[in-house]
C-alpha cells in the first residue's frame, strides 16, 4: 500500500481563495525545508523522504513558481501604486525563481544519486552545504513573500483579479475551471475531493 506523504497537500478547495492557497503553500514549503535539512544531515539514506522531496522539486515547487511568475506577479505589476515600491522586490523575487529552477535540478540529481548509490547526502560535505544553503535561501524567500507580497496583493488586487488568479491556478492543476465568484454559483463539487497528481499545464488564456 502506498504510504501517505509526510507533508499533506493543501486542500484543493482552498484554490477558491488563491491568496490563502499561496500562503498555505508557503507553510508547506517551510515543512519541506525541515525535511530537506533532515535528509541532508541524516547519517543514513532516508529513502521515503528523498522520494517525497524529489516530487516536491519536480512538481510542487515549479508549479508554485509558475503561479507567482505568470499570474500573481503580473497582476501586481498592473495594480500596484508607486508608493508600494514593489517593482524592485518583484524583480529580485523573479531572479530568485530563475535561480531556484537551476538549483532544484541540481538537488534532484544529488537525491537520485543518493538513492542509487545508497549513500546519504551527509557523506559529501560539499553537497550537504548545497542543501543547507537552499533551505536558508527558501526560508528567506518565503518570509519576504509573506511579509510583503501577499499583504500588498490583498490590498491591491480586485475581485476580478482574484477570479482570474483562481481560474489560472485551477487550470494549471488540471481541475475544472470555476465560474467567476461574482456569478453567485457554488464552487464546483470536484473541489471537495483531492485532485490527485494534477500535472496538467493549461494553455495560456
Protein backbone atom coordinates (compact mmCIF):
# COMPACT_ATOMS: atom_id res chain seq x y z
CA UNK A 1 0.00 0.00 0.00
CA UNK A 2 1.28 3.45 -0.94
CA UNK A 3 2.45 5.38 2.10
CA UNK A 4 0.79 8.70 2.84
CA UNK A 5 3.09 11.70 2.28
CA UNK A 6 4.88 13.08 5.31
CA UNK A 7 3.67 16.54 4.30
CA UNK A 8 0.00 16.69 3.42
CA UNK A 9 -1.07 18.54 0.26
CA UNK A 10 -3.00 21.77 0.55
CA UNK A 11 -6.75 21.02 0.20
CA UNK A 12 -7.75 21.88 -3.36
CA UNK A 13 -10.90 23.65 -2.12
CA UNK A 14 -8.63 26.44 -0.89
CA UNK A 15 -7.90 27.37 -4.51
CA UNK A 16 -11.18 29.30 -4.36
CA UNK A 17 -9.19 31.78 -2.21
CA UNK A 18 -5.96 31.98 -4.22
CA UNK A 19 -4.01 34.22 -1.84
CA UNK A 20 -4.89 31.93 1.06
CA UNK A 21 -3.78 28.99 -1.10
CA UNK A 22 -0.40 30.64 -1.73
CA UNK A 23 0.01 31.34 1.99
CA UNK A 24 -0.80 27.71 2.78
CA UNK A 25 1.70 26.56 0.16
CA UNK A 26 4.33 28.73 1.83
CA UNK A 27 3.62 26.88 5.07
CA UNK A 28 4.17 23.59 3.22
CA UNK A 29 7.43 24.93 1.80
CA UNK A 30 8.68 25.57 5.32
CA UNK A 31 7.82 21.98 6.19
CA UNK A 32 9.74 20.81 3.14
CA UNK A 33 12.70 22.92 4.27
CA UNK A 34 12.76 20.98 7.53
CA UNK A 35 12.62 17.72 5.57
CA UNK A 36 15.50 18.85 3.33
CA UNK A 37 17.55 19.57 6.45
CA UNK A 38 16.74 16.15 7.89
CA UNK A 39 17.77 14.39 4.68
CA UNK A 40 20.95 16.46 4.33
CA UNK A 41 22.05 15.85 7.93
CA UNK A 42 20.96 12.22 8.31
CA UNK A 43 23.72 9.61 8.62
CA UNK A 44 21.59 7.15 6.63
CA UNK A 45 19.64 7.29 3.38
CA UNK A 46 16.07 8.40 4.12
CA UNK A 47 14.59 6.79 1.02
CA UNK A 48 10.94 7.69 1.57
CA UNK A 49 11.76 11.28 2.44
CA UNK A 50 14.01 11.55 -0.60
CA UNK A 51 11.21 10.31 -2.85
CA UNK A 52 8.89 12.94 -1.41
CA UNK A 53 11.46 15.69 -1.88
CA UNK A 54 12.04 14.64 -5.47
CA UNK A 55 8.32 15.03 -6.17
CA UNK A 56 8.36 18.43 -4.47
CA UNK A 57 11.29 19.58 -6.60
CA UNK A 58 9.85 18.08 -9.78
CA UNK A 59 6.22 19.12 -9.42
CA UNK A 60 5.10 21.24 -6.45
CA UNK A 61 7.79 23.91 -6.39
CA UNK A 62 7.88 24.56 -10.16
CA UNK A 63 4.08 24.78 -10.18
CA UNK A 64 4.16 27.30 -7.34
CA UNK A 65 6.77 29.36 -9.15
CA UNK A 66 4.54 29.45 -12.25
CA UNK A 67 1.58 30.57 -10.13
CA UNK A 68 3.60 33.53 -8.95
CA UNK A 69 5.58 34.42 -12.06
CA UNK A 70 2.87 34.01 -14.69
CA UNK A 71 -0.07 35.32 -12.71
CA UNK A 72 0.41 36.85 -9.25
CA UNK A 73 3.44 39.00 -10.06
CA UNK A 74 1.96 40.06 -13.41
CA UNK A 75 -1.23 41.21 -11.68
CA UNK A 76 0.71 43.06 -9.00
CA UNK A 77 2.73 44.92 -11.63
CA UNK A 78 -0.56 46.11 -13.13
CA UNK A 79 -2.23 47.11 -9.87
CA UNK A 80 0.44 48.39 -7.51
CA UNK A 81 0.70 52.08 -6.75
CA UNK A 82 4.05 53.91 -6.98
CA UNK A 83 4.19 54.25 -3.21
CA UNK A 84 4.16 50.47 -2.88
CA UNK A 85 7.74 50.48 -4.24
CA UNK A 86 7.27 46.87 -5.28
CA UNK A 87 8.94 46.64 -8.69
CA UNK A 88 12.45 46.09 -7.34
CA UNK A 89 11.22 43.44 -4.89
CA UNK A 90 9.33 41.61 -7.64
CA UNK A 91 12.42 41.71 -9.87
CA UNK A 92 14.54 40.24 -7.08
CA UNK A 93 11.99 37.51 -6.36
CA UNK A 94 11.81 36.66 -10.06
CA UNK A 95 15.59 36.36 -10.15
CA UNK A 96 15.33 34.04 -7.13
CA UNK A 97 12.81 31.91 -9.01
CA UNK A 98 15.09 31.58 -12.03
CA UNK A 99 17.92 30.53 -9.76
CA UNK A 100 15.64 28.11 -7.92
CA UNK A 101 14.87 26.22 -11.13
CA UNK A 102 18.59 25.61 -11.70
CA UNK A 103 19.19 24.76 -8.06
CA UNK A 104 16.39 22.23 -7.73
CA UNK A 105 17.58 20.43 -10.86
CA UNK A 106 20.99 20.06 -9.19
CA UNK A 107 19.48 18.93 -5.88
CA UNK A 108 17.27 16.37 -7.61
CA UNK A 109 20.35 14.92 -9.23
CA UNK A 110 22.04 14.53 -5.86
CA UNK A 111 18.92 12.94 -4.36
CA UNK A 112 18.73 10.45 -7.23
CA UNK A 113 22.41 9.63 -6.76
CA UNK A 114 21.90 9.09 -3.02
CA UNK A 115 19.17 6.56 -3.73
CA UNK A 116 21.12 4.83 -6.49
CA UNK A 117 24.36 4.56 -4.52
CA UNK A 118 22.65 4.09 -1.15
CA UNK A 119 24.89 6.78 0.28
CA UNK A 120 23.49 9.60 2.44
CA UNK A 121 23.87 13.23 1.42
CA UNK A 122 25.91 13.80 4.60
CA UNK A 123 28.72 11.67 3.18
CA UNK A 124 29.68 14.58 0.91
CA UNK A 125 30.08 17.84 2.89
CA UNK A 126 30.11 19.98 -0.27
CA UNK A 127 26.83 18.52 -1.48
CA UNK A 128 25.39 18.79 2.01
CA UNK A 129 26.20 22.52 2.04
CA UNK A 130 24.20 22.95 -1.20
CA UNK A 131 21.10 21.56 0.51
CA UNK A 132 21.56 23.65 3.65
CA UNK A 133 22.11 26.78 1.56
CA UNK A 134 18.91 26.08 -0.39
CA UNK A 135 16.97 25.80 2.87
CA UNK A 136 18.26 29.15 4.14
CA UNK A 137 17.50 30.82 0.81
CA UNK A 138 14.00 29.35 0.57
CA UNK A 139 13.08 30.37 4.11
CA UNK A 140 14.14 33.96 3.44
CA UNK A 141 12.26 33.97 0.13
CA UNK A 142 9.03 32.71 1.71
CA UNK A 143 9.34 35.14 4.62
CA UNK A 144 9.64 38.09 2.22
CA UNK A 145 6.64 36.98 0.18
CA UNK A 146 4.54 36.50 3.32
CA UNK A 147 5.59 39.83 4.82
CA UNK A 148 5.38 42.00 1.69
CA UNK A 149 3.89 40.38 -1.40
CA UNK A 150 0.75 38.75 -0.02
CA UNK A 151 -0.32 41.74 2.13
CA UNK A 152 0.01 44.10 -0.83
CA UNK A 153 -1.82 41.61 -3.05
CA UNK A 154 -4.71 41.56 -0.58
CA UNK A 155 -4.77 45.34 -0.63
CA UNK A 156 -4.41 45.98 -4.37
CA UNK A 157 -5.91 43.09 -6.33
CA UNK A 158 -9.53 43.43 -7.39
CA UNK A 159 -12.13 40.68 -7.17
CA UNK A 160 -11.80 40.23 -10.94
CA UNK A 161 -8.04 39.77 -10.48
CA UNK A 162 -8.61 37.15 -7.80
CA UNK A 163 -11.12 35.34 -10.02
CA UNK A 164 -8.58 35.25 -12.84
CA UNK A 165 -5.84 34.08 -10.48
CA UNK A 166 -8.13 31.34 -9.20
CA UNK A 167 -9.05 30.16 -12.70
CA UNK A 168 -5.43 30.09 -13.84
CA UNK A 169 -4.22 28.17 -10.81
CA UNK A 170 -7.11 25.70 -11.07
CA UNK A 171 -6.48 25.10 -14.77
CA UNK A 172 -2.74 24.70 -14.18
CA UNK A 173 -3.57 21.75 -11.95
CA UNK A 174 -5.89 20.14 -14.48
CA UNK A 175 -9.05 20.83 -12.47
CA UNK A 176 -12.41 22.15 -13.74
CA UNK A 177 -12.37 25.88 -14.28
CA UNK A 178 -14.56 27.75 -11.80
CA UNK A 179 -17.07 30.42 -12.80
CA UNK A 180 -16.46 33.95 -11.55
CA UNK A 181 -17.39 34.18 -7.89
CA UNK A 182 -19.45 37.26 -8.74
CA UNK A 183 -21.80 34.98 -10.70
CA UNK A 184 -23.11 33.56 -7.44
CA UNK A 185 -22.52 29.96 -8.50
CA UNK A 186 -21.30 27.49 -5.92
CA UNK A 187 -17.80 26.08 -6.02
CA UNK A 188 -17.50 23.06 -8.29
CA UNK A 189 -18.08 19.91 -6.26
CA UNK A 190 -14.82 18.48 -7.55
CA UNK A 191 -13.04 20.70 -5.02
CA UNK A 192 -14.47 18.71 -2.17
CA UNK A 193 -12.13 15.93 -3.24
CA UNK A 194 -8.38 15.67 -3.58
CA UNK A 195 -7.15 16.39 -7.08
CA UNK A 196 -4.59 13.60 -7.46
CA UNK A 197 -1.45 14.27 -9.41
CA UNK A 198 -2.62 17.49 -11.03
CA UNK A 199 0.15 17.65 -13.60
CA UNK A 200 -1.80 19.25 -16.46
CA UNK A 201 -0.38 22.52 -17.81
CA UNK A 202 -3.06 24.83 -19.22
CA UNK A 203 -2.84 26.79 -22.43
CA UNK A 204 -2.44 30.48 -21.97
CA UNK A 205 -5.70 32.35 -21.68
